[in-house]
Amino acid sequence: MPQFKIGDRVSTKHPNETFHVPDGHTRLPNYAAGKPATILACHGAHILPNAHAHFLGEDPEPLYQIRIDATALWGDDAEVFDEVVLDCWQSYLEELR
């Protein structure tokens, strides 16, 4: 069941918070770790690679399309209106605090 809806403000977790096993597998890019984002879409439930890569089953969970402003990623060096769009599994995200 999706935890977030379109327009929700979230933040990405740090990659080591998304592993299912120590020193495991994640698809969360380091440059996007701990950044504020906005939910753009939910693609439904998909196989979680963090579990599947370690033979822990498919463990499907909601996969979201998120937008991170470039200034949140690269500060003043970024173009003001640029953004990065990523697909992230629900366990990679948390409510923005």
N, C-alpha and C. Protein backbone atom coordinates (compact mmCIF):
# COMPACT_ATOMS: atom_id res chain seq x y z
N MET A 1 0.84 -1.18 0.00
CA MET A 1 0.00 0.00 0.00
C MET A 1 0.89 1.25 0.00
N PRO A 2 0.67 2.16 -0.94
CA PRO A 2 1.50 3.37 -0.99
C PRO A 2 1.34 4.24 0.27
N GLN A 3 2.47 4.67 0.78
CA GLN A 3 2.50 5.54 1.97
C GLN A 3 2.38 7.01 1.58
N PHE A 4 2.82 7.35 0.36
CA PHE A 4 2.84 8.75 -0.07
C PHE A 4 1.90 8.97 -1.23
N LYS A 5 1.52 10.24 -1.41
CA LYS A 5 0.67 10.59 -2.55
C LYS A 5 1.34 11.70 -3.35
N ILE A 6 0.87 11.90 -4.56
CA ILE A 6 1.43 12.93 -5.44
C ILE A 6 1.39 14.28 -4.73
N GLY A 7 2.51 14.98 -4.79
CA GLY A 7 2.65 16.29 -4.16
C GLY A 7 3.23 16.25 -2.77
N ASP A 8 3.30 15.08 -2.14
CA ASP A 8 3.88 14.99 -0.80
C ASP A 8 5.35 15.38 -0.84
N ARG A 9 5.78 16.06 0.22
CA ARG A 9 7.20 16.39 0.40
C ARG A 9 7.82 15.28 1.23
N VAL A 10 8.92 14.74 0.74
CA VAL A 10 9.63 13.65 1.40
C VAL A 10 11.11 13.98 1.43
N SER A 11 11.87 13.14 2.09
CA SER A 11 13.32 13.23 1.95
C SER A 11 13.83 11.82 1.71
N THR A 12 14.91 11.75 0.96
CA THR A 12 15.54 10.46 0.71
C THR A 12 16.35 10.07 1.94
N LYS A 13 16.43 8.79 2.16
CA LYS A 13 17.27 8.28 3.24
C LYS A 13 18.72 8.22 2.75
N HIS A 14 19.62 7.88 3.64
CA HIS A 14 21.00 7.63 3.25
C HIS A 14 21.10 6.18 2.78
N PRO A 15 21.91 5.90 1.77
CA PRO A 15 21.95 4.55 1.21
C PRO A 15 22.11 3.44 2.25
N ASN A 16 22.95 3.64 3.27
CA ASN A 16 23.15 2.58 4.26
C ASN A 16 21.89 2.31 5.08
N GLU A 17 20.91 3.21 5.04
CA GLU A 17 19.63 3.00 5.72
C GLU A 17 18.66 2.19 4.86
N THR A 18 19.04 1.89 3.62
CA THR A 18 18.14 1.18 2.72
C THR A 18 18.57 -0.27 2.47
N PHE A 19 19.71 -0.68 3.01
CA PHE A 19 20.18 -2.06 2.81
C PHE A 19 19.29 -3.05 3.55
N HIS A 20 19.11 -4.24 2.99
CA HIS A 20 18.42 -5.32 3.68
C HIS A 20 19.40 -6.25 4.38
N VAL A 21 20.65 -6.20 3.95
CA VAL A 21 21.72 -6.96 4.59
C VAL A 21 22.92 -6.01 4.72
N PRO A 22 23.79 -6.22 5.71
CA PRO A 22 24.97 -5.35 5.85
C PRO A 22 25.78 -5.30 4.55
N ASP A 23 26.22 -4.12 4.20
CA ASP A 23 26.99 -3.91 2.97
C ASP A 23 26.26 -4.46 1.75
N GLY A 24 24.95 -4.33 1.77
CA GLY A 24 24.11 -4.89 0.72
C GLY A 24 24.01 -4.05 -0.53
N HIS A 25 22.88 -4.15 -1.16
CA HIS A 25 22.62 -3.56 -2.48
C HIS A 25 21.56 -2.48 -2.33
N THR A 26 21.75 -1.35 -3.01
CA THR A 26 20.72 -0.31 -3.06
C THR A 26 20.79 0.37 -4.42
N ARG A 27 19.67 0.90 -4.86
CA ARG A 27 19.62 1.66 -6.10
C ARG A 27 19.51 3.16 -5.82
N LEU A 28 19.64 3.55 -4.56
CA LEU A 28 19.58 4.97 -4.21
C LEU A 28 20.95 5.59 -4.46
N PRO A 29 21.04 6.56 -5.40
CA PRO A 29 22.35 7.17 -5.67
C PRO A 29 22.85 8.00 -4.49
N ASN A 30 24.15 7.93 -4.25
CA ASN A 30 24.74 8.69 -3.13
C ASN A 30 24.47 10.18 -3.24
N TYR A 31 24.50 10.74 -4.44
CA TYR A 31 24.32 12.18 -4.58
C TYR A 31 22.93 12.63 -4.15
N ALA A 32 21.97 11.70 -4.10
CA ALA A 32 20.59 12.05 -3.73
C ALA A 32 20.30 11.77 -2.26
N ALA A 33 21.26 11.30 -1.51
CA ALA A 33 21.05 10.90 -0.13
C ALA A 33 20.71 12.08 0.78
N GLY A 34 19.66 11.91 1.56
CA GLY A 34 19.29 12.91 2.56
C GLY A 34 18.76 14.21 1.98
N LYS A 35 18.22 14.17 0.78
CA LYS A 35 17.76 15.39 0.10
C LYS A 35 16.24 15.50 0.12
N PRO A 36 15.72 16.73 0.20
CA PRO A 36 14.28 16.93 0.12
C PRO A 36 13.79 16.69 -1.32
N ALA A 37 12.59 16.16 -1.44
CA ALA A 37 12.04 15.83 -2.75
C ALA A 37 10.52 15.96 -2.72
N THR A 38 9.94 15.92 -3.89
CA THR A 38 8.48 15.96 -4.05
C THR A 38 8.05 14.72 -4.84
N ILE A 39 6.99 14.08 -4.39
CA ILE A 39 6.45 12.92 -5.10
C ILE A 39 5.73 13.41 -6.35
N LEU A 40 6.13 12.87 -7.52
CA LEU A 40 5.49 13.21 -8.79
C LEU A 40 4.49 12.15 -9.24
N ALA A 41 4.78 10.88 -8.94
CA ALA A 41 3.92 9.78 -9.38
C ALA A 41 4.23 8.54 -8.56
N CYS A 42 3.29 7.60 -8.59
CA CYS A 42 3.52 6.28 -8.01
C CYS A 42 3.33 5.27 -9.14
N HIS A 43 4.33 4.43 -9.37
CA HIS A 43 4.31 3.46 -10.46
C HIS A 43 3.71 2.11 -10.05
N GLY A 44 3.14 2.03 -8.86
CA GLY A 44 2.63 0.76 -8.35
C GLY A 44 3.75 -0.01 -7.65
N ALA A 45 3.46 -1.26 -7.29
CA ALA A 45 4.45 -2.09 -6.58
C ALA A 45 5.37 -2.79 -7.58
N HIS A 46 6.65 -2.80 -7.23
CA HIS A 46 7.67 -3.45 -8.07
C HIS A 46 8.65 -4.20 -7.17
N ILE A 47 9.34 -5.17 -7.75
CA ILE A 47 10.34 -5.95 -7.02
C ILE A 47 11.38 -5.01 -6.42
N LEU A 48 11.67 -5.21 -5.14
CA LEU A 48 12.68 -4.41 -4.45
C LEU A 48 14.05 -5.04 -4.69
N PRO A 49 14.93 -4.37 -5.45
CA PRO A 49 16.23 -4.98 -5.76
C PRO A 49 17.09 -5.22 -4.53
N ASN A 50 16.91 -4.44 -3.48
CA ASN A 50 17.70 -4.62 -2.26
C ASN A 50 17.50 -6.01 -1.68
N ALA A 51 16.29 -6.54 -1.77
CA ALA A 51 15.99 -7.88 -1.27
C ALA A 51 16.31 -8.94 -2.33
N HIS A 52 15.88 -8.69 -3.54
CA HIS A 52 16.00 -9.69 -4.60
C HIS A 52 17.46 -10.01 -4.91
N ALA A 53 18.33 -9.03 -4.87
CA ALA A 53 19.75 -9.25 -5.18
C ALA A 53 20.43 -10.16 -4.16
N HIS A 54 19.83 -10.30 -2.98
CA HIS A 54 20.41 -11.13 -1.92
C HIS A 54 19.57 -12.38 -1.64
N PHE A 55 18.74 -12.74 -2.65
CA PHE A 55 17.94 -13.96 -2.58
C PHE A 55 16.99 -13.97 -1.39
N LEU A 56 16.44 -12.78 -1.06
CA LEU A 56 15.47 -12.66 0.04
C LEU A 56 14.04 -12.57 -0.48
N GLY A 57 13.83 -12.91 -1.73
CA GLY A 57 12.51 -12.83 -2.33
C GLY A 57 12.32 -11.52 -3.07
N GLU A 58 11.18 -11.40 -3.71
CA GLU A 58 10.91 -10.20 -4.52
C GLU A 58 10.56 -8.99 -3.66
N ASP A 59 9.89 -9.18 -2.55
CA ASP A 59 9.56 -8.11 -1.60
C ASP A 59 9.05 -6.85 -2.29
N PRO A 60 8.00 -6.95 -3.13
CA PRO A 60 7.54 -5.77 -3.88
C PRO A 60 7.07 -4.65 -2.95
N GLU A 61 7.35 -3.43 -3.37
CA GLU A 61 6.87 -2.25 -2.64
C GLU A 61 6.65 -1.12 -3.64
N PRO A 62 5.89 -0.09 -3.23
CA PRO A 62 5.61 1.02 -4.15
C PRO A 62 6.90 1.68 -4.64
N LEU A 63 6.88 2.02 -5.92
CA LEU A 63 7.99 2.71 -6.58
C LEU A 63 7.48 4.09 -6.99
N TYR A 64 8.16 5.12 -6.52
CA TYR A 64 7.73 6.51 -6.75
C TYR A 64 8.67 7.23 -7.70
N GLN A 65 8.11 8.15 -8.44
CA GLN A 65 8.91 9.11 -9.19
C GLN A 65 9.00 10.35 -8.32
N ILE A 66 10.23 10.81 -8.05
CA ILE A 66 10.42 11.99 -7.20
C ILE A 66 11.21 13.05 -7.95
N ARG A 67 11.02 14.29 -7.52
CA ARG A 67 11.77 15.42 -8.08
C ARG A 67 12.60 16.05 -6.97
N ILE A 68 13.89 16.24 -7.25
CA ILE A 68 14.79 16.94 -6.33
C ILE A 68 15.30 18.18 -7.06
N ASP A 69 15.15 19.33 -6.45
CA ASP A 69 15.67 20.56 -7.05
C ASP A 69 17.18 20.49 -7.12
N ALA A 70 17.74 20.94 -8.23
CA ALA A 70 19.18 20.90 -8.43
C ALA A 70 19.93 21.68 -7.35
N THR A 71 19.34 22.76 -6.87
CA THR A 71 20.01 23.53 -5.81
C THR A 71 20.13 22.73 -4.52
N ALA A 72 19.20 21.79 -4.27
CA ALA A 72 19.31 20.93 -3.09
C ALA A 72 20.47 19.95 -3.25
N LEU A 73 20.78 19.61 -4.49
CA LEU A 73 21.86 18.67 -4.76
C LEU A 73 23.23 19.35 -4.85
N TRP A 74 23.29 20.48 -5.55
CA TRP A 74 24.58 21.09 -5.86
C TRP A 74 24.72 22.53 -5.38
N GLY A 75 23.78 23.01 -4.60
CA GLY A 75 23.88 24.34 -4.02
C GLY A 75 23.86 25.45 -5.05
N ASP A 76 24.60 26.50 -4.79
CA ASP A 76 24.60 27.70 -5.63
C ASP A 76 25.19 27.47 -7.01
N ASP A 77 25.89 26.36 -7.22
CA ASP A 77 26.46 26.06 -8.54
C ASP A 77 25.41 25.57 -9.53
N ALA A 78 24.23 25.22 -9.02
CA ALA A 78 23.17 24.66 -9.88
C ALA A 78 22.34 25.78 -10.50
N GLU A 79 21.76 25.46 -11.64
CA GLU A 79 20.80 26.37 -12.26
C GLU A 79 19.52 26.35 -11.41
N VAL A 80 18.97 27.51 -11.14
CA VAL A 80 17.85 27.65 -10.21
C VAL A 80 16.65 26.79 -10.56
N PHE A 81 16.31 26.66 -11.83
CA PHE A 81 15.09 25.93 -12.20
C PHE A 81 15.35 24.49 -12.67
N ASP A 82 16.60 24.03 -12.56
CA ASP A 82 16.90 22.64 -12.93
C ASP A 82 16.44 21.70 -11.82
N GLU A 83 16.21 20.46 -12.21
CA GLU A 83 15.78 19.44 -11.25
C GLU A 83 16.25 18.08 -11.73
N VAL A 84 16.28 17.14 -10.81
CA VAL A 84 16.60 15.76 -11.13
C VAL A 84 15.38 14.93 -10.75
N VAL A 85 14.99 14.04 -11.66
CA VAL A 85 13.85 13.16 -11.41
C VAL A 85 14.38 11.73 -11.29
N LEU A 86 14.01 11.07 -10.20
CA LEU A 86 14.46 9.71 -9.91
C LEU A 86 13.27 8.81 -9.60
N ASP A 87 13.45 7.53 -9.80
CA ASP A 87 12.50 6.54 -9.29
C ASP A 87 13.10 5.95 -8.03
N CYS A 88 12.32 5.97 -6.94
CA CYS A 88 12.80 5.46 -5.66
C CYS A 88 11.73 4.58 -5.02
N TRP A 89 12.16 3.47 -4.45
CA TRP A 89 11.24 2.61 -3.72
C TRP A 89 10.85 3.28 -2.41
N GLN A 90 9.69 2.88 -1.91
CA GLN A 90 9.14 3.49 -0.70
C GLN A 90 10.11 3.45 0.48
N SER A 91 10.85 2.35 0.62
CA SER A 91 11.77 2.23 1.75
C SER A 91 12.98 3.14 1.63
N TYR A 92 13.14 3.84 0.51
CA TYR A 92 14.21 4.82 0.33
C TYR A 92 13.78 6.21 0.79
N LEU A 93 12.51 6.37 1.13
CA LEU A 93 11.94 7.68 1.40
C LEU A 93 11.37 7.75 2.82
N GLU A 94 11.28 8.97 3.33
CA GLU A 94 10.61 9.22 4.61
C GLU A 94 9.93 10.57 4.54
N GLU A 95 8.97 10.79 5.43
CA GLU A 95 8.30 12.07 5.48
C GLU A 95 9.32 13.16 5.75
N LEU A 96 9.15 14.28 5.07
CA LEU A 96 10.07 15.41 5.28
C LEU A 96 9.83 15.97 6.67
N ARG A 97 10.87 16.14 7.41
CA ARG A 97 10.76 16.65 8.78
C ARG A 97 11.00 18.13 8.81
